[in-house]
PDB file of all heavy atoms in Angstrom:
ATOM      1  N   ARG A   1     101.275  85.505  64.628  1.00  0.00           N
ATOM      2  CA  ARG A   1     101.256  84.747  63.339  1.00  0.00           C
ATOM      3  C   ARG A   1     100.415  83.476  63.390  1.00  0.00           C
ATOM      4  O   ARG A   1     100.145  82.868  62.341  1.00  0.00           O
ATOM      5  CB  ARG A   1     102.680  84.386  62.883  1.00  0.00           C
ATOM      6  CG  ARG A   1     103.605  85.598  62.656  1.00  0.00           C
ATOM      7  CD  ARG A   1     105.051  85.210  62.568  1.00  0.00           C
ATOM      8  NE  ARG A   1     105.902  86.427  62.579  1.00  0.00           N
ATOM      9  CZ  ARG A   1     106.641  86.823  61.585  1.00  0.00           C
ATOM     10  NH1 ARG A   1     106.688  86.220  60.471  1.00  0.00           N
ATOM     11  NH2 ARG A   1     107.412  87.863  61.754  1.00  0.00           N
ATOM     12  N   GLY A   2      99.991  83.088  64.611  1.00  0.00           N
ATOM     13  CA  GLY A   2      99.215  81.878  64.683  1.00  0.00           C
ATOM     14  C   GLY A   2      99.953  80.555  64.306  1.00  0.00           C
ATOM     15  O   GLY A   2      99.326  79.604  63.887  1.00  0.00           O
ATOM     16  N   ILE A   3     101.306  80.663  64.475  1.00  0.00           N
ATOM     17  CA  ILE A   3     102.054  79.456  64.157  1.00  0.00           C
ATOM     18  C   ILE A   3     102.975  79.151  65.386  1.00  0.00           C
ATOM     19  O   ILE A   3     103.220  80.052  66.240  1.00  0.00           O
ATOM     20  CB  ILE A   3     102.945  79.632  62.923  1.00  0.00           C
ATOM     21  CG1 ILE A   3     104.020  80.766  63.150  1.00  0.00           C
ATOM     22  CG2 ILE A   3     102.165  79.787  61.692  1.00  0.00           C
ATOM     23  CD1 ILE A   3     105.023  80.877  62.139  1.00  0.00           C
ATOM     24  N   THR A   4     103.436  77.942  65.502  1.00  0.00           N
ATOM     25  CA  THR A   4     104.406  77.482  66.526  1.00  0.00           C
ATOM     26  C   THR A   4     105.817  77.694  65.926  1.00  0.00           C
ATOM     27  O   THR A   4     106.060  77.252  64.821  1.00  0.00           O
ATOM     28  CB  THR A   4     104.175  76.069  66.933  1.00  0.00           C
ATOM     29  OG1 THR A   4     102.830  75.860  67.337  1.00  0.00           O
ATOM     30  CG2 THR A   4     105.091  75.603  67.997  1.00  0.00           C
ATOM     31  N   ILE A   5     106.652  78.382  66.697  1.00  0.00           N
ATOM     32  CA  ILE A   5     108.013  78.635  66.280  1.00  0.00           C
ATOM     33  C   ILE A   5     109.027  77.804  67.042  1.00  0.00           C
ATOM     34  O   ILE A   5     109.933  77.257  66.510  1.00  0.00           O
ATOM     35  CB  ILE A   5     108.319  80.187  66.442  1.00  0.00           C
ATOM     36  CG1 ILE A   5     107.486  80.994  65.451  1.00  0.00           C
ATOM     37  CG2 ILE A   5     109.833  80.411  66.230  1.00  0.00           C
ATOM     38  CD1 ILE A   5     107.473  82.451  65.657  1.00  0.00           C
ATOM     39  N   THR A   6     108.793  77.739  68.386  1.00  0.00           N
ATOM     40  CA  THR A   6     109.718  76.970  69.229  1.00  0.00           C
ATOM     41  C   THR A   6     108.962  75.865  69.877  1.00  0.00           C
ATOM     42  O   THR A   6     107.790  76.004  70.206  1.00  0.00           O
ATOM     43  CB  THR A   6     110.343  77.952  70.221  1.00  0.00           C
ATOM     44  OG1 THR A   6     111.153  77.179  71.121  1.00  0.00           O
ATOM     45  CG2 THR A   6     109.329  78.660  71.076  1.00  0.00           C
ATOM     46  N   SER A   7     109.580  74.715  70.018  1.00  0.00           N
ATOM     47  CA  SER A   7     108.947  73.620  70.693  1.00  0.00           C
ATOM     48  C   SER A   7     108.759  73.912  72.172  1.00  0.00           C
ATOM     49  O   SER A   7     109.674  74.386  72.779  1.00  0.00           O
ATOM     50  CB  SER A   7     109.769  72.249  70.541  1.00  0.00           C
ATOM     51  OG  SER A   7     111.086  72.497  70.998  1.00  0.00           O
ATOM     52  N   ALA A   8     107.522  73.666  72.617  1.00  0.00           N
ATOM     53  CA  ALA A   8     107.237  74.015  74.073  1.00  0.00           C
ATOM     54  C   ALA A   8     107.006  72.683  74.813  1.00  0.00           C
ATOM     55  O   ALA A   8     106.370  71.853  74.346  1.00  0.00           O
ATOM     56  CB  ALA A   8     106.067  74.949  74.165  1.00  0.00           C
ATOM     57  N   ALA A   9     107.590  72.620  76.053  1.00  0.00           N
ATOM     58  CA  ALA A   9     107.412  71.448  76.809  1.00  0.00           C
ATOM     59  C   ALA A   9     106.432  71.655  77.975  1.00  0.00           C
ATOM     60  O   ALA A   9     106.302  72.843  78.485  1.00  0.00           O
ATOM     61  CB  ALA A   9     108.761  71.010  77.422  1.00  0.00           C
ATOM     62  N   THR A  10     105.665  70.637  78.317  1.00  0.00           N
ATOM     63  CA  THR A  10     104.717  70.845  79.476  1.00  0.00           C
ATOM     64  C   THR A  10     104.632  69.439  80.139  1.00  0.00           C
ATOM     65  O   THR A  10     104.961  68.378  79.560  1.00  0.00           O
ATOM     66  CB  THR A  10     103.379  71.358  79.041  1.00  0.00           C
ATOM     67  OG1 THR A  10     102.626  71.669  80.192  1.00  0.00           O
ATOM     68  CG2 THR A  10     102.578  70.363  78.223  1.00  0.00           C
ATOM     69  N   THR A  11     104.075  69.484  81.299  1.00  0.00           N
ATOM     70  CA  THR A  11     103.905  68.260  82.144  1.00  0.00           C
ATOM     71  C   THR A  11     102.478  68.161  82.677  1.00  0.00           C
ATOM     72  O   THR A  11     101.919  69.166  83.039  1.00  0.00           O
ATOM     73  CB  THR A  11     104.858  68.323  83.345  1.00  0.00           C
ATOM     74  OG1 THR A  11     106.199  68.525  82.858  1.00  0.00           O
ATOM     75  CG2 THR A  11     104.817  67.075  84.146  1.00  0.00           C
ATOM     76  N   CYS A  12     101.836  67.007  82.611  1.00  0.00           N
ATOM     77  CA  CYS A  12     100.570  66.819  83.100  1.00  0.00           C
ATOM     78  C   CYS A  12     100.303  65.403  83.553  1.00  0.00           C
ATOM     79  O   CYS A  12     101.086  64.516  83.232  1.00  0.00           O
ATOM     80  CB  CYS A  12      99.468  67.317  82.141  1.00  0.00           C
ATOM     81  SG  CYS A  12      99.619  66.507  80.504  1.00  0.00           S
ATOM     82  N   SER A  13      99.123  65.106  84.123  1.00  0.00           N
ATOM     83  CA  SER A  13      98.775  63.744  84.503  1.00  0.00           C
ATOM     84  C   SER A  13      97.414  63.418  83.992  1.00  0.00           C
ATOM     85  O   SER A  13      96.554  64.280  83.840  1.00  0.00           O
ATOM     86  CB  SER A  13      98.667  63.632  86.060  1.00  0.00           C
ATOM     87  OG  SER A  13      99.883  63.834  86.573  1.00  0.00           O
ATOM     88  N   TRP A  14      97.241  62.126  83.541  1.00  0.00           N
ATOM     89  CA  TRP A  14      95.982  61.715  82.960  1.00  0.00           C
ATOM     90  C   TRP A  14      95.525  60.427  83.664  1.00  0.00           C
ATOM     91  O   TRP A  14      96.321  59.445  83.782  1.00  0.00           O
ATOM     92  CB  TRP A  14      96.205  61.444  81.481  1.00  0.00           C
ATOM     93  CG  TRP A  14      95.043  60.844  80.759  1.00  0.00           C
ATOM     94  CD1 TRP A  14      94.888  59.689  80.062  1.00  0.00           C
ATOM     95  CD2 TRP A  14      93.748  61.552  80.528  1.00  0.00           C
ATOM     96  NE1 TRP A  14      93.651  59.529  79.555  1.00  0.00           N
ATOM     97  CE2 TRP A  14      92.948  60.648  79.765  1.00  0.00           C
ATOM     98  CE3 TRP A  14      93.197  62.736  80.900  1.00  0.00           C
ATOM     99  CZ2 TRP A  14      91.667  60.984  79.386  1.00  0.00           C
ATOM    100  CZ3 TRP A  14      91.959  63.065  80.528  1.00  0.00           C
ATOM    101  CH2 TRP A  14      91.155  62.237  79.729  1.00  0.00           C
ATOM    102  N   ASN A  15      94.302  60.447  84.217  1.00  0.00           N
ATOM    103  CA  ASN A  15      93.807  59.252  84.906  1.00  0.00           C
ATOM    104  C   ASN A  15      93.217  58.314  83.823  1.00  0.00           C
ATOM    105  O   ASN A  15      92.340  58.671  83.129  1.00  0.00           O
ATOM    106  CB  ASN A  15      92.677  59.708  85.843  1.00  0.00           C
ATOM    107  CG  ASN A  15      93.286  60.385  87.039  1.00  0.00           C
ATOM    108  OD1 ASN A  15      94.292  59.973  87.593  1.00  0.00           O
ATOM    109  ND2 ASN A  15      92.701  61.505  87.468  1.00  0.00           N
ATOM    110  N   PHE A  16      93.749  57.126  83.798  1.00  0.00           N
ATOM    111  CA  PHE A  16      93.372  56.150  82.843  1.00  0.00           C
ATOM    112  C   PHE A  16      93.210  54.819  83.620  1.00  0.00           C
ATOM    113  O   PHE A  16      94.072  54.500  84.455  1.00  0.00           O
ATOM    114  CB  PHE A  16      94.443  56.026  81.766  1.00  0.00           C
ATOM    115  CG  PHE A  16      94.268  54.818  80.841  1.00  0.00           C
ATOM    116  CD1 PHE A  16      93.288  54.853  79.894  1.00  0.00           C
ATOM    117  CD2 PHE A  16      95.041  53.714  81.002  1.00  0.00           C
ATOM    118  CE1 PHE A  16      93.095  53.701  79.063  1.00  0.00           C
ATOM    119  CE2 PHE A  16      94.899  52.591  80.216  1.00  0.00           C
ATOM    120  CZ  PHE A  16      93.915  52.603  79.205  1.00  0.00           C
ATOM    121  N   PRO A  17      92.229  53.891  83.377  1.00  0.00           N
ATOM    122  CA  PRO A  17      91.188  54.084  82.389  1.00  0.00           C
ATOM    123  C   PRO A  17      90.026  54.978  82.896  1.00  0.00           C
ATOM    124  O   PRO A  17      89.819  55.033  84.085  1.00  0.00           O
ATOM    125  CB  PRO A  17      90.687  52.663  82.164  1.00  0.00           C
ATOM    126  CG  PRO A  17      90.998  51.977  83.476  1.00  0.00           C
ATOM    127  CD  PRO A  17      92.189  52.631  84.058  1.00  0.00           C
ATOM    128  N   THR A  18      89.395  55.608  81.919  1.00  0.00           N
ATOM    129  CA  THR A  18      88.208  56.370  82.302  1.00  0.00           C
ATOM    130  C   THR A  18      87.054  55.796  81.531  1.00  0.00           C
ATOM    131  O   THR A  18      87.136  55.268  80.469  1.00  0.00           O
ATOM    132  CB  THR A  18      88.396  57.880  81.822  1.00  0.00           C
ATOM    133  OG1 THR A  18      88.774  57.903  80.453  1.00  0.00           O
ATOM    134  CG2 THR A  18      89.526  58.575  82.654  1.00  0.00           C
ATOM    135  N   THR A  19      85.895  56.075  82.063  1.00  0.00           N
ATOM    136  CA  THR A  19      84.629  55.610  81.396  1.00  0.00           C
ATOM    137  C   THR A  19      83.559  56.615  81.644  1.00  0.00           C
ATOM    138  O   THR A  19      83.342  57.006  82.783  1.00  0.00           O
ATOM    139  CB  THR A  19      84.261  54.217  81.784  1.00  0.00           C
ATOM    140  OG1 THR A  19      83.093  53.867  81.095  1.00  0.00           O
ATOM    141  CG2 THR A  19      84.032  54.057  83.227  1.00  0.00           C
ATOM    142  N   GLN A  20      82.990  57.109  80.607  1.00  0.00           N
ATOM    143  CA  GLN A  20      81.902  58.081  80.672  1.00  0.00           C
ATOM    144  C   GLN A  20      82.233  59.242  81.576  1.00  0.00           C
ATOM    145  O   GLN A  20      81.434  59.799  82.405  1.00  0.00           O
ATOM    146  CB  GLN A  20      80.623  57.425  81.195  1.00  0.00           C
ATOM    147  CG  GLN A  20      79.987  56.434  80.229  1.00  0.00           C
ATOM    148  CD  GLN A  20      78.794  55.801  80.725  1.00  0.00           C
ATOM    149  OE1 GLN A  20      78.913  54.711  81.287  1.00  0.00           O
ATOM    150  NE2 GLN A  20      77.639  56.338  80.594  1.00  0.00           N
ATOM    151  N   GLY A  21      83.481  59.687  81.475  1.00  0.00           N
ATOM    152  CA  GLY A  21      83.881  60.861  82.188  1.00  0.00           C
ATOM    153  C   GLY A  21      84.134  60.690  83.645  1.00  0.00           C
ATOM    154  O   GLY A  21      84.493  61.582  84.327  1.00  0.00           O
ATOM    155  N   LYS A  22      83.918  59.449  84.150  1.00  0.00           N
ATOM    156  CA  LYS A  22      84.154  59.144  85.618  1.00  0.00           C
ATOM    157  C   LYS A  22      85.484  58.353  85.701  1.00  0.00           C
ATOM    158  O   LYS A  22      85.720  57.528  84.930  1.00  0.00           O
ATOM    159  CB  LYS A  22      83.006  58.412  86.242  1.00  0.00           C
ATOM    160  CG  LYS A  22      81.664  59.083  86.201  1.00  0.00           C
ATOM    161  CD  LYS A  22      80.683  58.275  86.976  1.00  0.00           C
ATOM    162  CE  LYS A  22      79.255  58.789  86.751  1.00  0.00           C
ATOM    163  NZ  LYS A  22      78.736  58.424  85.430  1.00  0.00           N
ATOM    164  N   VAL A  23      86.202  58.651  86.841  1.00  0.00           N
ATOM    165  CA  VAL A  23      87.434  57.947  87.084  1.00  0.00           C
ATOM    166  C   VAL A  23      87.100  56.664  87.767  1.00  0.00           C
ATOM    167  O   VAL A  23      86.339  56.631  88.812  1.00  0.00           O
ATOM    168  CB  VAL A  23      88.426  58.832  87.847  1.00  0.00           C
ATOM    169  CG1 VAL A  23      89.704  58.015  88.161  1.00  0.00           C
ATOM    170  CG2 VAL A  23      88.649  60.100  87.130  1.00  0.00           C
ATOM    171  N   LEU A  24      87.616  55.550  87.286  1.00  0.00           N
ATOM    172  CA  LEU A  24      87.423  54.224  87.998  1.00  0.00           C
ATOM    173  C   LEU A  24      88.279  54.191  89.276  1.00  0.00           C
ATOM    174  O   LEU A  24      89.299  54.782  89.374  1.00  0.00           O
ATOM    175  CB  LEU A  24      87.845  53.131  87.069  1.00  0.00           C
ATOM    176  CG  LEU A  24      86.968  52.869  85.838  1.00  0.00           C
ATOM    177  CD1 LEU A  24      87.510  51.707  85.050  1.00  0.00           C
ATOM    178  CD2 LEU A  24      85.521  52.688  86.142  1.00  0.00           C
ATOM    179  N   PRO A  25      87.815  53.401  90.267  1.00  0.00           N
ATOM    180  CA  PRO A  25      88.526  53.393  91.494  1.00  0.00           C
ATOM    181  C   PRO A  25      90.018  52.814  91.323  1.00  0.00           C
ATOM    182  O   PRO A  25      90.877  53.343  91.994  1.00  0.00           O
ATOM    183  CB  PRO A  25      87.729  52.374  92.377  1.00  0.00           C
ATOM    184  CG  PRO A  25      86.706  51.830  91.456  1.00  0.00           C
ATOM    185  CD  PRO A  25      86.562  52.663  90.341  1.00  0.00           C
TER     186      PRO A  25
END
C-alpha cells in the first residue's frame, strides 16, 4: 500500500560535527 501501518524502531550512530562529508578528529 506504500503506507506505514506500525511504528518501527531502529538504532544507529551519527558522527557529529561533520564538514564537507569528512569526519572531524
